[in-house]
Amino acid sequence: MKRIYLTFLALIIGSNLCFAFNNESACKYLSSINGLAGIKDNSGCYTPYKLLDNKSNMAYYTERNGATTNKIYLVLNVYNTSNKTSVHNSLLQASKVLAKNSINYELNDNIVNAIKVGKSANWKYGKYTIETKREDWRTNLGYEVHFAIIER
């Protein structure tokens, strides 16, 4: 009986870490957020840039490897640095929804803080890598922050 219980427990825990991105559902992970419902194309899906203030914007993308989606990510383009707290919070809210809907994961404090300040970092969660990445533009007109979930 103990062996059956342990096997059952392992299946439950393992199932929480073994979600698979389905191309069809990956496009819908953010459909509850106005302006971030995916549009399918041959390479995955994407959204048009959603304007967050006068210039800053955000978009959602998926990348496919054959029949399955292996990377889902948000891109935040920050042009108006005086409003960066607000646009980073928009990225944070969308990232929370994406993590919950795709791999049933609640973002931990380290990930939340990295998104809020636009810091590059990565974490492992089961077979996934969760990544934040910041890239300052050579033009000095702003920067972009990515939030990605990558299936390894």
C-alpha atoms as a PDB file:
ATOM      1  CA  MET A   1       0.000   0.000   0.000  1.00  0.00           C
ATOM      2  CA  LYS A   2       2.846   2.389   0.863  1.00  0.00           C
ATOM      3  CA  ARG A   3       4.433   1.715  -2.524  1.00  0.00           C
ATOM      4  CA  ILE A   4       1.191   2.557  -4.356  1.00  0.00           C
ATOM      5  CA  TYR A   5       0.844   5.767  -2.370  1.00  0.00           C
ATOM      6  CA  LEU A   6       4.422   6.828  -3.155  1.00  0.00           C
ATOM      7  CA  THR A   7       3.962   6.034  -6.842  1.00  0.00           C
ATOM      8  CA  PHE A   8       0.737   8.047  -6.912  1.00  0.00           C
ATOM      9  CA  LEU A   9       2.442  10.949  -5.115  1.00  0.00           C
ATOM     10  CA  ALA A  10       5.344  10.886  -7.582  1.00  0.00           C
ATOM     11  CA  LEU A  11       2.899  11.012 -10.499  1.00  0.00           C
ATOM     12  CA  ILE A  12       1.112  14.031  -9.020  1.00  0.00           C
ATOM     13  CA  ILE A  13       4.352  15.921  -8.343  1.00  0.00           C
ATOM     14  CA  GLY A  14       5.814  14.950 -11.697  1.00  0.00           C
ATOM     15  CA  SER A  15       2.699  16.022 -13.559  1.00  0.00           C
ATOM     16  CA  ASN A  16       3.071  19.529 -12.139  1.00  0.00           C
ATOM     17  CA  LEU A  17       6.517  19.792 -13.708  1.00  0.00           C
ATOM     18  CA  CYS A  18       5.806  18.139 -17.060  1.00  0.00           C
ATOM     19  CA  PHE A  19       3.402  20.378 -18.902  1.00  0.00           C
ATOM     20  CA  ALA A  20       3.876  20.395 -22.653  1.00  0.00           C
ATOM     21  CA  PHE A  21       3.315  23.443 -24.766  1.00  0.00           C
ATOM     22  CA  ASN A  22       0.649  22.706 -27.318  1.00  0.00           C
ATOM     23  CA  ASN A  23       0.770  24.991 -30.368  1.00  0.00           C
ATOM     24  CA  GLU A  24      -2.971  25.573 -30.257  1.00  0.00           C
ATOM     25  CA  SER A  25      -3.177  26.330 -26.540  1.00  0.00           C
ATOM     26  CA  ALA A  26       0.087  28.361 -26.467  1.00  0.00           C
ATOM     27  CA  CYS A  27      -1.600  31.021 -28.580  1.00  0.00           C
ATOM     28  CA  LYS A  28      -4.376  31.296 -26.000  1.00  0.00           C
ATOM     29  CA  TYR A  29      -2.336  31.492 -22.766  1.00  0.00           C
ATOM     30  CA  LEU A  30      -2.770  35.286 -22.610  1.00  0.00           C
ATOM     31  CA  SER A  31      -6.199  35.612 -24.220  1.00  0.00           C
ATOM     32  CA  SER A  32      -7.607  36.926 -20.924  1.00  0.00           C
ATOM     33  CA  ILE A  33      -5.434  40.047 -21.287  1.00  0.00           C
ATOM     34  CA  ASN A  34      -6.762  42.637 -23.720  1.00  0.00           C
ATOM     35  CA  GLY A  35      -4.424  42.933 -26.706  1.00  0.00           C
ATOM     36  CA  LEU A  36      -2.391  39.782 -26.008  1.00  0.00           C
ATOM     37  CA  ALA A  37      -4.442  37.021 -27.637  1.00  0.00           C
ATOM     38  CA  GLY A  38      -2.135  35.197 -30.038  1.00  0.00           C
ATOM     39  CA  ILE A  39      -2.418  35.102 -33.812  1.00  0.00           C
ATOM     40  CA  LYS A  40      -1.218  31.833 -35.372  1.00  0.00           C
ATOM     41  CA  ASP A  41       1.308  31.708 -38.180  1.00  0.00           C
ATOM     42  CA  ASN A  42       3.628  29.036 -39.629  1.00  0.00           C
ATOM     43  CA  SER A  43       6.321  29.495 -36.973  1.00  0.00           C
ATOM     44  CA  GLY A  44       4.057  29.664 -33.893  1.00  0.00           C
ATOM     45  CA  CYS A  45       2.013  32.647 -32.840  1.00  0.00           C
ATOM     46  CA  TYR A  46       2.449  36.300 -31.985  1.00  0.00           C
ATOM     47  CA  THR A  47       0.544  39.387 -30.983  1.00  0.00           C
ATOM     48  CA  PRO A  48       0.769  42.869 -32.404  1.00  0.00           C
ATOM     49  CA  TYR A  49       2.487  45.267 -30.024  1.00  0.00           C
ATOM     50  CA  LYS A  50       0.108  46.404 -27.288  1.00  0.00           C
ATOM     51  CA  LEU A  51       0.668  50.095 -26.516  1.00  0.00           C
ATOM     52  CA  LEU A  52       1.110  50.627 -22.760  1.00  0.00           C
ATOM     53  CA  ASP A  53       1.692  54.381 -22.676  1.00  0.00           C
ATOM     54  CA  ASN A  54       2.596  56.919 -25.342  1.00  0.00           C
ATOM     55  CA  LYS A  55       5.489  54.806 -26.649  1.00  0.00           C
ATOM     56  CA  SER A  56       6.241  51.711 -24.551  1.00  0.00           C
ATOM     57  CA  ASN A  57       4.670  48.470 -25.727  1.00  0.00           C
ATOM     58  CA  MET A  58       4.518  44.744 -25.157  1.00  0.00           C
ATOM     59  CA  ALA A  59       4.018  41.697 -27.377  1.00  0.00           C
ATOM     60  CA  TYR A  60       3.759  37.923 -26.955  1.00  0.00           C
ATOM     61  CA  TYR A  61       5.500  35.301 -29.103  1.00  0.00           C
ATOM     62  CA  THR A  62       5.858  31.545 -29.321  1.00  0.00           C
ATOM     63  CA  GLU A  63       8.540  29.555 -31.114  1.00  0.00           C
ATOM     64  CA  ARG A  64       8.046  26.092 -32.515  1.00  0.00           C
ATOM     65  CA  ASN A  65      10.401  23.198 -32.975  1.00  0.00           C
ATOM     66  CA  GLY A  66       8.576  20.989 -35.432  1.00  0.00           C
ATOM     67  CA  ALA A  67       5.153  20.041 -34.128  1.00  0.00           C
ATOM     68  CA  THR A  68       5.584  21.453 -30.627  1.00  0.00           C
ATOM     69  CA  THR A  69       6.100  24.882 -29.149  1.00  0.00           C
ATOM     70  CA  ASN A  70       9.323  25.028 -27.136  1.00  0.00           C
ATOM     71  CA  LYS A  71       9.536  28.703 -26.154  1.00  0.00           C
ATOM     72  CA  ILE A  72       6.908  31.216 -25.102  1.00  0.00           C
ATOM     73  CA  TYR A  73       7.850  34.783 -24.267  1.00  0.00           C
ATOM     74  CA  LEU A  74       6.837  38.367 -23.724  1.00  0.00           C
ATOM     75  CA  VAL A  75       8.807  41.361 -24.963  1.00  0.00           C
ATOM     76  CA  LEU A  76       8.482  44.735 -23.262  1.00  0.00           C
ATOM     77  CA  ASN A  77       9.907  47.724 -25.156  1.00  0.00           C
ATOM     78  CA  VAL A  78      10.467  50.625 -22.764  1.00  0.00           C
ATOM     79  CA  TYR A  79      10.794  54.008 -24.478  1.00  0.00           C
ATOM     80  CA  ASN A  80       9.505  56.317 -21.777  1.00  0.00           C
ATOM     81  CA  THR A  81      11.793  55.680 -18.821  1.00  0.00           C
ATOM     82  CA  SER A  82       9.854  58.099 -16.591  1.00  0.00           C
ATOM     83  CA  ASN A  83       6.949  55.608 -16.671  1.00  0.00           C
ATOM     84  CA  LYS A  84       9.023  52.445 -16.282  1.00  0.00           C
ATOM     85  CA  THR A  85       7.399  51.279 -13.024  1.00  0.00           C
ATOM     86  CA  SER A  86       3.988  51.147 -14.666  1.00  0.00           C
ATOM     87  CA  VAL A  87       5.130  49.341 -17.826  1.00  0.00           C
ATOM     88  CA  HIS A  88       7.236  46.862 -15.830  1.00  0.00           C
ATOM     89  CA  ASN A  89       4.125  46.127 -13.750  1.00  0.00           C
ATOM     90  CA  SER A  90       2.237  45.423 -16.988  1.00  0.00           C
ATOM     91  CA  LEU A  91       4.950  42.923 -17.938  1.00  0.00           C
ATOM     92  CA  LEU A  92       4.806  41.401 -14.456  1.00  0.00           C
ATOM     93  CA  GLN A  93       1.031  40.887 -14.602  1.00  0.00           C
ATOM     94  CA  ALA A  94       1.214  39.303 -18.059  1.00  0.00           C
ATOM     95  CA  SER A  95       4.162  37.117 -16.946  1.00  0.00           C
ATOM     96  CA  LYS A  96       2.158  35.846 -13.973  1.00  0.00           C
ATOM     97  CA  VAL A  97      -0.742  34.881 -16.245  1.00  0.00           C
ATOM     98  CA  LEU A  98       1.601  33.244 -18.756  1.00  0.00           C
ATOM     99  CA  ALA A  99       3.403  31.175 -16.100  1.00  0.00           C
ATOM    100  CA  LYS A 100       0.136  30.088 -14.478  1.00  0.00           C
ATOM    101  CA  ASN A 101      -1.658  29.211 -17.722  1.00  0.00           C
ATOM    102  CA  SER A 102       1.286  27.477 -19.391  1.00  0.00           C
ATOM    103  CA  ILE A 103       3.097  25.513 -16.646  1.00  0.00           C
ATOM    104  CA  ASN A 104       0.849  26.109 -13.614  1.00  0.00           C
ATOM    105  CA  TYR A 105       3.602  28.048 -11.840  1.00  0.00           C
ATOM    106  CA  GLU A 106       3.336  30.999  -9.449  1.00  0.00           C
ATOM    107  CA  LEU A 107       6.289  33.340  -9.959  1.00  0.00           C
ATOM    108  CA  ASN A 108       8.616  33.437  -6.949  1.00  0.00           C
ATOM    109  CA  ASP A 109       9.938  36.658  -5.396  1.00  0.00           C
ATOM    110  CA  ASN A 110      13.260  36.474  -7.282  1.00  0.00           C
ATOM    111  CA  ILE A 111      11.503  36.373 -10.645  1.00  0.00           C
ATOM    112  CA  VAL A 112       9.046  39.109  -9.637  1.00  0.00           C
ATOM    113  CA  ASN A 113      11.902  41.380  -8.563  1.00  0.00           C
ATOM    114  CA  ALA A 114      13.891  40.700 -11.749  1.00  0.00           C
ATOM    115  CA  ILE A 115      10.881  41.726 -13.855  1.00  0.00           C
ATOM    116  CA  LYS A 116      10.238  44.836 -11.771  1.00  0.00           C
ATOM    117  CA  VAL A 117      13.799  46.135 -12.206  1.00  0.00           C
ATOM    118  CA  GLY A 118      14.474  44.675 -15.643  1.00  0.00           C
ATOM    119  CA  LYS A 119      17.333  42.372 -14.607  1.00  0.00           C
ATOM    120  CA  SER A 120      18.666  39.432 -16.613  1.00  0.00           C
ATOM    121  CA  ALA A 121      18.503  36.087 -14.783  1.00  0.00           C
ATOM    122  CA  ASN A 122      17.236  32.520 -15.185  1.00  0.00           C
ATOM    123  CA  TRP A 123      15.773  29.763 -13.052  1.00  0.00           C
ATOM    124  CA  LYS A 124      15.012  26.062 -13.496  1.00  0.00           C
ATOM    125  CA  TYR A 125      11.554  24.614 -12.936  1.00  0.00           C
ATOM    126  CA  GLY A 126      11.279  20.948 -13.839  1.00  0.00           C
ATOM    127  CA  LYS A 127      12.016  20.648 -17.536  1.00  0.00           C
ATOM    128  CA  TYR A 128      11.690  24.407 -18.053  1.00  0.00           C
ATOM    129  CA  THR A 129      13.982  27.385 -17.876  1.00  0.00           C
ATOM    130  CA  ILE A 130      12.312  30.616 -16.815  1.00  0.00           C
ATOM    131  CA  GLU A 131      14.296  33.587 -18.018  1.00  0.00           C
ATOM    132  CA  THR A 132      14.294  37.357 -17.756  1.00  0.00           C
ATOM    133  CA  LYS A 133      16.572  39.247 -20.076  1.00  0.00           C
ATOM    134  CA  ARG A 134      17.295  42.957 -20.441  1.00  0.00           C
ATOM    135  CA  GLU A 135      18.883  44.538 -23.485  1.00  0.00           C
ATOM    136  CA  ASP A 136      19.727  48.243 -23.528  1.00  0.00           C
ATOM    137  CA  TRP A 137      19.481  49.764 -26.985  1.00  0.00           C
ATOM    138  CA  ARG A 138      22.578  51.279 -28.571  1.00  0.00           C
ATOM    139  CA  THR A 139      20.519  54.357 -29.404  1.00  0.00           C
ATOM    140  CA  ASN A 140      20.107  55.147 -25.676  1.00  0.00           C
ATOM    141  CA  LEU A 141      16.379  55.688 -26.350  1.00  0.00           C
ATOM    142  CA  GLY A 142      15.279  52.812 -24.150  1.00  0.00           C
ATOM    143  CA  TYR A 143      15.591  49.085 -23.594  1.00  0.00           C
ATOM    144  CA  GLU A 144      13.685  45.845 -23.829  1.00  0.00           C
ATOM    145  CA  VAL A 145      12.922  43.215 -21.219  1.00  0.00           C
ATOM    146  CA  HIS A 146      11.982  39.638 -22.100  1.00  0.00           C
ATOM    147  CA  PHE A 147      10.170  37.118 -19.932  1.00  0.00           C
ATOM    148  CA  ALA A 148      10.473  33.625 -21.363  1.00  0.00           C
ATOM    149  CA  ILE A 149       9.580  30.050 -20.511  1.00  0.00           C
ATOM    150  CA  ILE A 150      11.688  27.576 -22.471  1.00  0.00           C
ATOM    151  CA  GLU A 151      11.155  23.843 -22.587  1.00  0.00           C
ATOM    152  CA  ARG A 152      14.508  22.032 -22.369  1.00  0.00           C
END
